[in-house]
Amino acid sequence: MPTSYDGTQYWDYPTIEAWCIKFCEDHRDWATLETIGYSREGRPILLVTLGGDPTAVPTFWLDGGTHAMEWTGVMATLYALSEWAKEFDTEDGQEWFKNNAICVLPCISPDGYQWVHEGKPLLRSSTRPPLPGTQMTGFTPQDINGDGTVSYMRWMHPAGPFVRDSSSEMGVRFRQIHDNPAQACFLSREGLFVNWDGKRWIQAPRTHGVDLNRNFPVHWNPFSMGGMDGGIHALSEPEAKTLMDAVVGRPGIVSALTNHTYTGALLVQPYRKDSPLKSTDLKLMSRLANEAVRGTAYKVMKVHPEFTYDDSNPIVGVWADCLSSTLGIPGYTLELWNPFGFAGIDNASPAQFFRNPDPEMVSKVMNAAAKEAPIPWTKYEHPQLGPVEIGGFDYLRTIRNPPERLLQQECQDGFVVAQALRFSLPKLKVTPTSNHIGEELFEVEVMIENLGYLSTIGLDRAQQLSLTSGITLQIDLTVPDQSLISGEATTDLGVLDGWGNMQVSGAISSVYPKMSSRGHRNLARWIIKGRGKVTISWHSHRAGQGQLDIKL
């Protein structure tokens, strides 16, 4: 088991678990491994923490594997861990990790992830069974010939909507009105009919139809799409509740990224027309997103309106939206891998494509996948349909995720985004001064500055919801005959802007720049009578804490 992961292979969950254990053992001075919960089937949900204590220092959060088939996001988290570990041996890296932390949850839904790796019926998230009173009926994709992949299946029939076509990479094309019915065929994923009446050829709803990315407490409503639901209530699923508890229990988290596939885009707020986020938060997140994708091929897309499937039905219960709207943490979704670009297509509106796929675009994507990873059509005796052919290509390693030869590049690009968001954390600089102003009188001044991109609370939404507060500065006298002549022992310095905030609220234009109304620095002054040591301590939920001594 290698200590580092180079982004060239897809691993199953037992391998990922073993790698995380070894990684943290090999980097025990800087990395810790926790089991923060268990999946529905009892698999451990793992969290790797690098650097400081995420309850006490500014922290970046990264996760993957919300959806069972989106393997790239999981592998990109391991790649990021490997890259960050290289900094443990550098002076700058050690300094950063002493004062900050990174939390990485590689796979939110280990049951679904492993289920799909084993060639079982394709599913969305977890292996939660169908809700009581429902029954799956119809065709379900799965590996039936035992080759470890879920490829495609075709069989001849005059009612078929496809025809064989040896000139195409896929070996089939959409049927046209003048085609010979004798050449017509049906095309589906490889699979079986479940609860079948022996007659009808219909598609079953998504097996185990829960979507964990609709189960979070943000505008939660009953959700249904293609047989999937969002759980019976927000956080009804153990994986979602574990994730929520983990973030809430680490108040230092101030920036977050969740990895998915596919589109090749970084998704950003707003999630709905009537977003609860202030315009300054929306501008800040958009500006940071454009910074984060620099050097990659990823686009920045606003979920509303650019990535919304149905304008009349806003997306509900999404994890990244929960991070931003419910917790006040700038949270982004990265849709790794662009199969459209791989096929030479500029898909300017992926949401429109998912809602109403263009047949020509579909053919180009499928032919590109079949050219990349062809699986020859092979005769197979299907237990329900009789003679069929299985072949085409491996959907999971061409369209849903990149071919392994391209996986490393996708992991590298994903790391560029994660690295940018990591460096967006607030950064406090504390400057104390003291002056002897009389025989036994001393003036003490402490200035605190935020040198980071984000403010000391992340988004203003956090303050709106009273989830966090400003920086608290306290002075403690350590000598019995010392006394505080002026100034409060505890001072609230409020919220300090980051330079990103100042760009969207103050220095919007280089022609008409101005200062922000809140500012990036504040200070406290005291007059103290008596010599000796005083202790200055400061605390911010999301920007860190510390203390220093001043000798008077």
Protein backbone atom coordinates (compact mmCIF):
# COMPACT_ATOMS: atom_id res chain seq x y z
CA MET A 1 0.00 0.00 0.00
CA PRO A 2 1.67 3.24 -1.12
CA THR A 3 1.72 6.22 1.22
CA SER A 4 0.87 8.60 -1.62
CA TYR A 5 -1.81 8.33 -4.29
CA ASP A 6 -0.85 9.46 -7.80
CA GLY A 7 -4.31 9.65 -9.39
CA THR A 8 -3.88 6.84 -11.91
CA GLN A 9 -6.28 4.19 -10.54
CA TYR A 10 -9.78 3.83 -9.16
CA TRP A 11 -9.86 2.02 -5.82
CA ASP A 12 -12.68 0.22 -4.00
CA TYR A 13 -13.65 1.23 -0.48
CA PRO A 14 -11.61 -1.39 1.45
CA THR A 15 -8.50 -0.17 -0.40
CA ILE A 16 -9.36 3.45 0.39
CA GLU A 17 -9.87 2.59 4.07
CA ALA A 18 -6.52 0.76 4.23
CA TRP A 19 -4.76 3.63 2.47
CA CYS A 20 -6.16 6.24 4.88
CA ILE A 21 -4.97 4.17 7.85
CA LYS A 22 -1.47 3.87 6.42
CA PHE A 23 -1.36 7.53 5.36
CA CYS A 24 -2.12 8.72 8.87
CA GLU A 25 0.31 6.26 10.42
CA ASP A 26 3.10 7.44 8.12
CA HIS A 27 2.29 11.11 8.83
CA ARG A 28 1.27 10.76 12.47
CA ASP A 29 2.85 14.10 13.43
CA TRP A 30 0.54 15.96 11.10
CA ALA A 31 -2.41 13.69 10.26
CA THR A 32 -5.11 12.02 12.35
CA LEU A 33 -7.78 9.52 11.34
CA GLU A 34 -11.23 9.35 12.93
CA THR A 35 -14.26 7.19 12.35
CA ILE A 36 -16.94 9.84 12.72
CA GLY A 37 -19.92 7.60 12.02
CA TYR A 38 -21.16 4.51 10.25
CA SER A 39 -23.12 3.94 7.07
CA ARG A 40 -26.44 2.18 6.92
CA GLU A 41 -24.61 -1.14 6.38
CA GLY A 42 -22.09 -0.44 9.15
CA ARG A 43 -19.09 0.72 7.11
CA PRO A 44 -16.92 3.33 8.83
CA ILE A 45 -17.17 6.90 7.57
CA LEU A 46 -13.60 8.19 7.78
CA LEU A 47 -12.28 11.69 8.38
CA VAL A 48 -8.63 12.66 7.92
CA THR A 49 -7.51 15.87 9.63
CA LEU A 50 -4.26 17.59 8.71
CA GLY A 51 -2.59 20.19 10.91
CA GLY A 52 -4.18 21.89 13.90
CA ASP A 53 -7.37 21.44 15.88
CA PRO A 54 -10.41 22.24 13.66
CA THR A 55 -12.29 23.46 16.70
CA ALA A 56 -9.66 26.14 17.32
CA VAL A 57 -7.96 27.14 14.03
CA PRO A 58 -9.24 28.23 10.58
CA THR A 59 -10.11 25.04 8.72
CA PHE A 60 -10.81 24.01 5.12
CA TRP A 61 -13.24 21.13 4.48
CA LEU A 62 -13.07 18.75 1.49
CA ASP A 63 -15.27 15.73 0.79
CA GLY A 64 -16.30 13.35 -2.00
CA GLY A 65 -18.44 10.31 -2.66
CA THR A 66 -21.92 11.68 -1.97
CA HIS A 67 -23.06 9.78 -5.06
CA ALA A 68 -22.16 6.15 -5.57
CA MET A 69 -21.04 6.33 -9.21
CA GLU A 70 -18.97 9.52 -8.91
CA TRP A 71 -15.64 7.86 -8.19
CA THR A 72 -13.47 10.74 -9.41
CA GLY A 73 -14.46 12.96 -6.51
CA VAL A 74 -13.34 10.31 -4.03
CA MET A 75 -9.98 9.74 -5.71
CA ALA A 76 -9.41 13.51 -5.98
CA THR A 77 -9.63 13.77 -2.17
CA LEU A 78 -6.88 11.15 -1.79
CA TYR A 79 -4.77 12.94 -4.37
CA ALA A 80 -5.17 16.21 -2.46
CA LEU A 81 -4.10 14.52 0.78
CA SER A 82 -0.98 13.21 -0.95
CA GLU A 83 -0.12 16.63 -2.33
CA TRP A 84 -0.65 18.37 1.01
CA ALA A 85 1.53 15.80 2.76
CA LYS A 86 4.48 17.02 0.67
CA GLU A 87 4.26 20.32 2.57
CA PHE A 88 4.89 18.66 5.92
CA ASP A 89 8.61 18.71 5.11
CA THR A 90 8.78 22.38 4.17
CA GLU A 91 9.18 25.34 6.51
CA ASP A 92 6.25 27.23 5.01
CA GLY A 93 4.06 24.15 5.08
CA GLN A 94 4.79 23.41 8.71
CA GLU A 95 4.05 27.00 9.66
CA TRP A 96 0.72 26.89 7.79
CA PHE A 97 -0.39 23.58 9.29
CA LYS A 98 0.51 24.71 12.81
CA ASN A 99 -1.97 27.57 12.45
CA ASN A 100 -4.63 25.98 10.24
CA ALA A 101 -6.27 22.66 9.51
CA ILE A 102 -7.75 20.68 6.62
CA CYS A 103 -10.49 18.09 7.14
CA VAL A 104 -10.96 15.52 4.37
CA LEU A 105 -13.86 13.05 4.24
CA PRO A 106 -13.01 10.84 1.24
CA CYS A 107 -16.32 9.02 0.84
CA ILE A 108 -19.66 10.11 2.29
CA SER A 109 -21.55 7.04 1.02
CA PRO A 110 -19.24 4.02 1.33
CA ASP A 111 -22.09 1.51 0.91
CA GLY A 112 -23.18 2.89 -2.45
CA TYR A 113 -19.60 3.43 -3.60
CA GLN A 114 -18.63 -0.19 -2.88
CA TRP A 115 -21.94 -1.54 -4.20
CA VAL A 116 -21.30 -0.02 -7.62
CA HIS A 117 -17.64 -1.13 -7.60
CA GLU A 118 -18.88 -4.69 -7.24
CA GLY A 119 -21.05 -4.42 -10.36
CA LYS A 120 -24.37 -4.43 -8.53
CA PRO A 121 -27.38 -2.43 -9.80
CA LEU A 122 -26.46 1.18 -10.40
CA LEU A 123 -27.75 3.49 -7.71
CA ARG A 124 -27.63 7.16 -6.78
CA SER A 125 -26.26 7.31 -3.24
CA SER A 126 -26.77 4.74 -0.49
CA THR A 127 -28.23 1.26 -0.26
CA ARG A 128 -31.34 2.31 1.62
CA PRO A 129 -34.10 -0.05 0.45
CA PRO A 130 -37.25 1.22 -1.25
CA LEU A 131 -39.68 3.02 1.05
CA PRO A 132 -42.49 0.91 2.54
CA GLY A 133 -45.38 0.42 0.16
CA THR A 134 -43.24 0.77 -2.95
CA GLN A 135 -41.90 -1.90 -5.28
CA MET A 136 -39.26 -1.63 -7.96
CA THR A 137 -40.59 -2.98 -11.24
CA GLY A 138 -38.73 -2.94 -14.52
CA PHE A 139 -35.24 -2.99 -15.95
CA THR A 140 -32.26 -2.35 -13.63
CA PRO A 141 -28.66 -1.88 -14.89
CA GLN A 142 -26.09 -4.26 -13.38
CA ASP A 143 -23.19 -6.50 -14.35
CA ILE A 144 -24.69 -9.80 -15.52
CA ASN A 145 -21.81 -11.41 -17.43
CA GLY A 146 -19.35 -11.13 -14.54
CA ASP A 147 -16.70 -9.00 -16.25
CA GLY A 148 -16.78 -6.37 -13.49
CA THR A 149 -18.25 -3.59 -15.63
CA VAL A 150 -21.75 -2.42 -16.44
CA SER A 151 -21.58 -1.96 -20.20
CA TYR A 152 -24.43 -2.02 -22.75
CA MET A 153 -26.83 -4.56 -24.16
CA ARG A 154 -28.65 -4.74 -27.50
CA TRP A 155 -31.18 -7.13 -28.95
CA MET A 156 -32.98 -7.19 -32.28
CA HIS A 157 -36.66 -6.27 -32.45
CA PRO A 158 -38.72 -4.40 -35.09
CA ALA A 159 -40.05 -2.00 -32.43
CA GLY A 160 -36.57 -0.97 -31.39
CA PRO A 161 -35.67 2.76 -31.34
CA PHE A 162 -32.08 2.04 -32.51
CA VAL A 163 -30.48 0.26 -35.45
CA ARG A 164 -27.17 -1.49 -35.82
CA ASP A 165 -24.54 0.67 -37.48
CA SER A 166 -21.07 -0.74 -38.05
CA SER A 167 -19.80 2.68 -39.15
CA SER A 168 -20.24 4.18 -35.67
CA GLU A 169 -17.86 3.53 -32.79
CA MET A 170 -20.77 2.43 -30.62
CA GLY A 171 -22.15 0.02 -33.23
CA VAL A 172 -25.64 1.47 -33.02
CA ARG A 173 -27.36 4.74 -33.85
CA PHE A 174 -30.78 6.29 -33.39
CA ARG A 175 -33.34 4.81 -35.76
CA GLN A 176 -34.63 6.97 -38.59
CA ILE A 177 -38.00 6.77 -40.33
CA HIS A 178 -36.75 5.01 -43.49
CA ASP A 179 -34.54 2.42 -41.77
CA ASN A 180 -35.25 -1.26 -42.36
CA PRO A 181 -37.24 -2.63 -39.35
CA ALA A 182 -35.22 -5.83 -39.65
CA GLN A 183 -32.18 -3.84 -38.49
CA ALA A 184 -33.97 -2.28 -35.52
CA CYS A 185 -32.89 -3.09 -32.00
CA PHE A 186 -33.30 -2.10 -28.39
CA LEU A 187 -30.35 -0.63 -26.52
CA SER A 188 -30.00 -0.50 -22.78
CA ARG A 189 -27.41 -0.79 -20.10
CA GLU A 190 -26.44 -4.33 -19.28
CA GLY A 191 -28.89 -5.63 -16.67
CA LEU A 192 -31.98 -7.54 -15.59
CA PHE A 193 -35.70 -6.99 -15.09
CA VAL A 194 -36.79 -7.03 -11.43
CA ASN A 195 -40.27 -8.03 -10.23
CA TRP A 196 -40.97 -8.72 -13.89
CA ASP A 197 -44.31 -9.76 -15.34
CA GLY A 198 -42.47 -11.52 -18.17
CA LYS A 199 -43.95 -9.25 -20.82
CA ARG A 200 -43.35 -5.48 -20.55
CA TRP A 201 -40.00 -3.89 -21.33
CA ILE A 202 -39.99 -0.87 -19.04
CA GLN A 203 -37.33 0.87 -16.97
CA ALA A 204 -37.39 0.51 -13.20
CA PRO A 205 -37.00 3.61 -11.03
CA ARG A 206 -33.53 4.12 -9.56
CA THR A 207 -32.74 1.21 -7.25
CA HIS A 208 -32.61 2.23 -3.58
CA GLY A 209 -33.80 5.64 -4.68
CA VAL A 210 -32.48 7.98 -1.99
CA ASP A 211 -30.33 10.91 -3.04
CA LEU A 212 -28.16 11.96 -0.11
CA ASN A 213 -27.63 15.30 -1.81
CA ARG A 214 -31.30 16.12 -1.21
CA ASN A 215 -31.30 15.12 2.48
CA PHE A 216 -29.77 18.18 4.13
CA PRO A 217 -31.54 20.88 6.17
CA VAL A 218 -31.75 23.68 3.64
CA HIS A 219 -35.16 24.42 2.07
CA TRP A 220 -35.89 20.71 2.58
CA ASN A 221 -39.11 19.48 1.00
CA PRO A 222 -40.28 16.05 -0.12
CA PHE A 223 -38.34 15.37 -3.29
CA SER A 224 -38.92 12.95 -6.13
CA MET A 225 -37.17 12.57 -9.48
CA GLY A 226 -36.91 9.45 -11.58
CA GLY A 227 -37.74 7.19 -8.65
CA MET A 228 -35.33 8.95 -6.27
CA ASP A 229 -36.37 10.72 -3.09
CA GLY A 230 -34.62 12.97 -0.57
CA GLY A 231 -35.32 10.83 2.50
CA ILE A 232 -38.35 10.97 4.79
CA HIS A 233 -37.05 14.13 6.49
CA ALA A 234 -33.90 16.23 6.51
CA LEU A 235 -30.94 14.22 7.89
CA SER A 236 -33.00 11.00 7.93
CA GLU A 237 -30.03 9.14 6.44
CA PRO A 238 -27.11 8.18 8.75
CA GLU A 239 -24.52 9.33 6.21
CA ALA A 240 -26.06 12.81 5.92
CA LYS A 241 -26.42 13.21 9.68
CA THR A 242 -22.81 12.13 10.22
CA LEU A 243 -21.63 14.71 7.72
CA MET A 244 -23.69 17.51 9.25
CA ASP A 245 -22.59 16.68 12.80
CA ALA A 246 -18.95 16.56 11.73
CA VAL A 247 -18.99 20.07 10.29
CA VAL A 248 -21.07 21.62 13.07
CA GLY A 249 -18.76 20.02 15.63
CA ARG A 250 -15.71 21.69 14.07
CA PRO A 251 -16.43 25.41 14.36
CA GLY A 252 -13.12 26.37 12.74
CA ILE A 253 -14.43 25.30 9.31
CA VAL A 254 -14.72 28.46 7.22
CA SER A 255 -14.42 27.23 3.61
CA ALA A 256 -15.62 24.00 1.98
CA LEU A 257 -15.61 22.02 -1.26
CA THR A 258 -17.60 18.89 -2.14
CA ASN A 259 -16.48 16.82 -5.16
CA HIS A 260 -18.89 15.35 -7.70
CA THR A 261 -19.02 14.39 -11.40
CA TYR A 262 -19.71 15.37 -14.15
CA THR A 263 -19.77 18.61 -16.17
CA GLY A 264 -16.42 20.30 -15.67
CA ALA A 265 -17.79 23.17 -13.60
CA LEU A 266 -17.53 24.77 -10.19
CA LEU A 267 -21.10 25.39 -8.99
CA VAL A 268 -21.75 28.51 -6.97
CA GLN A 269 -24.64 30.31 -5.25
CA PRO A 270 -27.41 31.28 -5.69
CA TYR A 271 -29.36 28.02 -5.60
CA ARG A 272 -32.70 29.77 -6.07
CA LYS A 273 -34.10 33.06 -7.29
CA ASP A 274 -35.04 34.09 -3.73
CA SER A 275 -31.66 33.22 -2.16
CA PRO A 276 -31.35 33.94 1.57
CA LEU A 277 -27.76 35.07 1.03
CA LYS A 278 -26.99 38.78 0.89
CA SER A 279 -25.71 40.21 -2.38
CA THR A 280 -22.26 40.73 -0.83
CA ASP A 281 -22.06 37.01 0.02
CA LEU A 282 -23.12 36.06 -3.50
CA LYS A 283 -20.55 38.38 -5.05
CA LEU A 284 -17.83 37.14 -2.72
CA MET A 285 -18.49 33.48 -3.54
CA SER A 286 -18.62 34.17 -7.26
CA ARG A 287 -15.37 36.12 -7.21
CA LEU A 288 -13.61 33.43 -5.18
CA ALA A 289 -14.93 30.74 -7.54
CA ASN A 290 -13.42 32.49 -10.53
CA GLU A 291 -10.11 32.70 -8.66
CA ALA A 292 -10.28 28.99 -7.79
CA VAL A 293 -10.73 27.68 -11.35
CA ARG A 294 -7.87 29.74 -12.76
CA GLY A 295 -5.42 27.40 -14.50
CA THR A 296 -8.07 24.72 -15.13
CA ALA A 297 -10.64 24.12 -17.85
CA TYR A 298 -13.52 24.36 -15.38
CA LYS A 299 -16.29 26.89 -15.81
CA VAL A 300 -18.01 28.74 -12.98
CA MET A 301 -21.77 28.19 -13.09
CA LYS A 302 -24.48 29.65 -10.87
CA VAL A 303 -26.85 26.90 -9.81
CA HIS A 304 -29.72 29.30 -10.46
CA PRO A 305 -30.33 29.72 -13.30
CA GLU A 306 -27.50 27.95 -15.13
CA PHE A 307 -27.60 24.54 -13.42
CA THR A 308 -31.28 24.25 -12.53
CA TYR A 309 -33.19 21.43 -14.21
CA ASP A 310 -36.63 23.00 -13.71
CA ASP A 311 -37.09 26.71 -13.02
CA SER A 312 -40.40 26.04 -11.29
CA ASN A 313 -38.83 23.55 -8.84
CA PRO A 314 -35.72 24.88 -7.06
CA ILE A 315 -33.24 22.23 -5.97
CA VAL A 316 -33.74 21.31 -2.30
CA GLY A 317 -31.64 19.75 0.45
CA VAL A 318 -28.23 20.11 -1.27
CA TRP A 319 -25.09 19.81 0.87
CA ALA A 320 -23.20 22.77 -0.63
CA ASP A 321 -26.28 24.95 -0.25
CA CYS A 322 -26.64 23.77 3.35
CA LEU A 323 -23.05 24.79 4.05
CA SER A 324 -23.69 28.31 2.73
CA SER A 325 -27.32 29.00 3.58
CA THR A 326 -27.71 27.05 6.83
CA LEU A 327 -24.19 27.29 8.28
CA GLY A 328 -22.80 30.47 6.69
CA ILE A 329 -19.75 28.68 5.28
CA PRO A 330 -18.83 29.36 1.64
CA GLY A 331 -19.47 25.90 0.21
CA TYR A 332 -18.87 24.90 -3.41
CA THR A 333 -19.68 21.86 -5.55
CA LEU A 334 -17.01 20.84 -8.04
CA GLU A 335 -18.37 18.79 -10.95
CA LEU A 336 -15.17 17.09 -12.07
CA TRP A 337 -14.73 15.65 -15.59
CA ASN A 338 -16.27 16.99 -18.77
CA PRO A 339 -17.29 14.14 -21.10
CA PHE A 340 -18.75 16.70 -23.50
CA GLY A 341 -15.40 18.42 -23.91
CA PHE A 342 -13.79 14.99 -24.27
CA ALA A 343 -16.15 14.35 -27.20
CA GLY A 344 -15.31 17.73 -28.77
CA ILE A 345 -18.60 19.36 -27.75
CA ASP A 346 -19.05 22.76 -26.15
CA ASN A 347 -22.08 22.16 -23.96
CA ALA A 348 -22.99 25.65 -22.76
CA SER A 349 -26.12 24.49 -20.93
CA PRO A 350 -25.62 21.11 -19.21
CA ALA A 351 -28.82 21.47 -17.18
CA GLN A 352 -30.80 21.85 -20.41
CA PHE A 353 -29.01 18.78 -21.80
CA PHE A 354 -29.90 16.67 -18.75
CA ARG A 355 -33.52 17.84 -19.01
CA ASN A 356 -33.84 17.42 -22.79
CA PRO A 357 -30.84 15.56 -24.28
CA ASP A 358 -29.94 16.41 -27.86
CA PRO A 359 -29.74 13.08 -29.80
CA GLU A 360 -26.77 14.20 -31.89
CA MET A 361 -24.86 15.28 -28.79
CA VAL A 362 -25.69 11.98 -27.07
CA SER A 363 -24.34 10.04 -30.06
CA LYS A 364 -21.10 12.02 -30.10
CA VAL A 365 -20.51 11.44 -26.40
CA MET A 366 -21.26 7.73 -26.64
CA ASN A 367 -19.10 7.25 -29.74
CA ALA A 368 -16.21 9.08 -28.06
CA ALA A 369 -16.55 6.78 -25.05
CA ALA A 370 -16.72 3.69 -27.26
CA LYS A 371 -13.62 4.80 -29.15
CA GLU A 372 -11.73 5.39 -25.89
CA ALA A 373 -12.66 2.14 -24.16
CA PRO A 374 -14.37 -0.22 -26.62
CA ILE A 375 -15.97 -3.42 -25.41
CA PRO A 376 -16.63 -5.74 -28.39
CA TRP A 377 -20.23 -6.85 -28.82
CA THR A 378 -20.44 -10.45 -27.60
CA LYS A 379 -23.37 -12.83 -27.76
CA TYR A 380 -24.96 -13.66 -24.43
CA GLU A 381 -27.96 -15.74 -23.43
CA HIS A 382 -30.00 -13.43 -21.28
CA PRO A 383 -32.09 -15.29 -18.68
CA GLN A 384 -35.15 -13.15 -19.46
CA LEU A 385 -34.73 -11.87 -23.03
CA GLY A 386 -32.97 -14.78 -24.66
CA PRO A 387 -30.20 -13.97 -27.23
CA VAL A 388 -28.65 -10.53 -26.74
CA GLU A 389 -25.28 -8.92 -27.29
CA ILE A 390 -23.28 -7.21 -24.53
CA GLY A 391 -20.62 -4.61 -25.36
CA GLY A 392 -20.20 -0.95 -26.26
CA PHE A 393 -18.11 0.65 -23.52
CA ASP A 394 -17.74 1.02 -19.76
CA TYR A 395 -20.01 3.91 -18.79
CA LEU A 396 -18.51 4.32 -15.31
CA ARG A 397 -14.98 4.84 -16.66
CA THR A 398 -15.75 7.01 -19.68
CA ILE A 399 -18.83 9.21 -19.15
CA ARG A 400 -19.56 9.23 -15.43
CA ASN A 401 -15.81 9.31 -14.67
CA PRO A 402 -12.76 9.79 -16.89
CA PRO A 403 -10.81 6.86 -18.29
CA GLU A 404 -7.98 5.95 -15.93
CA ARG A 405 -5.41 7.43 -18.31
CA LEU A 406 -7.08 10.84 -17.79
CA LEU A 407 -7.87 10.47 -14.09
CA GLN A 408 -4.61 11.99 -12.88
CA GLN A 409 -5.18 15.22 -14.82
CA GLU A 410 -8.67 15.50 -13.35
CA CYS A 411 -7.28 14.98 -9.84
CA GLN A 412 -4.65 17.64 -10.50
CA ASP A 413 -7.25 20.15 -11.67
CA GLY A 414 -9.44 19.33 -8.70
CA PHE A 415 -6.46 20.00 -6.45
CA VAL A 416 -5.98 23.43 -8.02
CA VAL A 417 -9.50 24.34 -6.94
CA ALA A 418 -9.13 22.85 -3.46
CA GLN A 419 -5.80 24.59 -2.98
CA ALA A 420 -7.26 27.98 -3.88
CA LEU A 421 -10.13 27.56 -1.42
CA ARG A 422 -7.71 26.38 1.24
CA PHE A 423 -5.73 29.59 0.89
CA SER A 424 -8.89 31.69 1.20
CA LEU A 425 -9.05 31.17 4.98
CA PRO A 426 -8.90 34.21 7.27
CA LYS A 427 -5.45 34.92 8.71
CA LEU A 428 -5.04 36.89 11.92
CA LYS A 429 -2.02 39.02 12.73
CA VAL A 430 -1.81 40.27 16.33
CA THR A 431 0.44 43.26 17.13
CA PRO A 432 0.87 44.29 20.79
CA THR A 433 2.56 47.48 22.02
CA SER A 434 3.14 48.89 25.50
CA ASN A 435 4.29 52.32 26.69
CA HIS A 436 5.37 53.52 30.12
CA ILE A 437 3.33 56.72 30.54
CA GLY A 438 3.85 57.44 34.25
CA GLU A 439 5.60 56.22 37.37
CA GLU A 440 3.34 53.16 37.68
CA LEU A 441 1.13 53.66 34.64
CA PHE A 442 1.35 51.74 31.37
CA GLU A 443 -0.61 52.00 28.14
CA VAL A 444 -1.17 48.66 26.38
CA GLU A 445 -2.53 48.46 22.84
CA VAL A 446 -3.29 45.35 20.80
CA MET A 447 -4.20 45.55 17.12
CA ILE A 448 -5.65 42.56 15.28
CA GLU A 449 -5.64 42.43 11.49
CA ASN A 450 -7.16 39.93 9.08
CA LEU A 451 -4.74 39.31 6.22
CA GLY A 452 -6.79 36.52 4.61
CA TYR A 453 -9.30 36.48 1.75
CA LEU A 454 -12.40 35.59 3.78
CA SER A 455 -13.74 37.55 6.72
CA THR A 456 -13.34 36.19 10.21
CA ILE A 457 -16.83 34.61 9.99
CA GLY A 458 -16.79 33.30 6.40
CA LEU A 459 -20.10 34.57 5.05
CA ASP A 460 -22.24 37.36 6.52
CA ARG A 461 -24.98 34.73 6.54
CA ALA A 462 -23.31 33.22 9.62
CA GLN A 463 -23.81 36.47 11.53
CA GLN A 464 -27.39 36.77 10.24
CA LEU A 465 -28.13 33.40 11.82
CA SER A 466 -26.17 34.15 15.02
CA LEU A 467 -23.95 31.13 14.35
CA THR A 468 -20.73 32.96 15.12
CA SER A 469 -19.55 36.25 16.53
CA GLY A 470 -16.73 38.73 16.17
CA ILE A 471 -13.28 38.51 17.71
CA THR A 472 -13.19 38.67 21.50
CA LEU A 473 -10.05 40.21 23.04
CA GLN A 474 -9.34 39.84 26.76
CA ILE A 475 -6.66 41.15 29.12
CA ASP A 476 -5.82 39.36 32.36
CA LEU A 477 -3.73 40.96 35.11
CA THR A 478 -1.39 38.47 36.77
CA VAL A 479 0.03 40.53 39.64
CA PRO A 480 -2.18 41.13 42.73
CA ASP A 481 -1.53 44.86 43.04
CA GLN A 482 -2.08 45.60 39.34
CA SER A 483 -5.30 47.38 38.40
CA LEU A 484 -7.12 48.30 35.23
CA ILE A 485 -7.53 52.08 35.08
CA SER A 486 -9.26 52.34 31.69
CA GLY A 487 -10.54 49.97 29.06
CA GLU A 488 -12.75 46.88 29.41
CA ALA A 489 -11.22 43.58 30.46
CA THR A 490 -13.10 41.92 27.59
CA THR A 491 -13.54 43.71 24.27
CA ASP A 492 -15.56 42.66 21.24
CA LEU A 493 -13.66 43.75 18.15
CA GLY A 494 -16.45 42.65 15.81
CA VAL A 495 -16.01 41.03 12.41
CA LEU A 496 -12.89 41.78 10.39
CA ASP A 497 -13.15 41.81 6.61
CA GLY A 498 -10.81 39.83 4.41
CA TRP A 499 -9.40 41.36 1.27
CA GLY A 500 -12.00 39.41 -0.72
CA ASN A 501 -14.76 41.22 1.19
CA MET A 502 -13.12 44.53 0.51
CA GLN A 503 -13.05 43.79 -3.21
CA VAL A 504 -16.81 43.25 -3.36
CA SER A 505 -17.91 45.95 -0.89
CA GLY A 506 -15.21 48.59 -1.16
CA ALA A 507 -12.57 48.43 -3.86
CA ILE A 508 -15.04 47.30 -6.53
CA SER A 509 -13.45 49.51 -9.15
CA SER A 510 -9.82 50.44 -9.60
CA VAL A 511 -11.09 53.76 -10.98
CA TYR A 512 -13.20 54.62 -7.90
CA PRO A 513 -11.70 52.61 -5.05
CA LYS A 514 -12.85 53.15 -1.49
CA MET A 515 -12.45 51.67 1.97
CA SER A 516 -14.96 49.10 3.22
CA SER A 517 -17.32 50.14 6.00
CA ARG A 518 -16.20 47.32 8.29
CA GLY A 519 -12.47 47.18 7.67
CA HIS A 520 -9.85 44.51 8.17
CA ARG A 521 -8.35 45.69 11.49
CA ASN A 522 -9.41 46.79 14.94
CA LEU A 523 -7.71 47.43 18.28
CA ALA A 524 -8.15 47.70 22.01
CA ARG A 525 -6.35 49.99 24.48
CA TRP A 526 -5.95 49.77 28.24
CA ILE A 527 -4.30 51.87 30.96
CA ILE A 528 -2.86 49.64 33.68
CA LYS A 529 -1.43 50.60 37.01
CA GLY A 530 1.34 48.39 38.36
CA ARG A 531 4.30 46.51 36.99
CA GLY A 532 4.37 42.85 36.07
CA LYS A 533 3.04 40.52 33.41
CA VAL A 534 -0.32 40.83 31.68
CA THR A 535 -1.82 38.16 29.43
CA ILE A 536 -3.70 39.01 26.24
CA SER A 537 -5.98 36.33 24.75
CA TRP A 538 -8.22 36.41 21.70
CA HIS A 539 -10.88 34.12 20.35
CA SER A 540 -12.79 33.83 17.09
CA HIS A 541 -14.94 30.83 16.24
CA ARG A 542 -13.69 30.64 12.66
CA ALA A 543 -10.51 32.71 12.58
CA GLY A 544 -8.64 31.04 15.42
CA GLN A 545 -7.50 31.89 18.92
CA GLY A 546 -4.33 32.47 20.90
CA GLN A 547 -2.63 34.37 23.67
CA LEU A 548 0.55 36.29 24.46
CA ASP A 549 2.23 37.83 27.50
CA ILE A 550 3.41 41.42 27.89
CA LYS A 551 5.84 42.39 30.63
CA LEU A 552 5.24 45.88 32.04
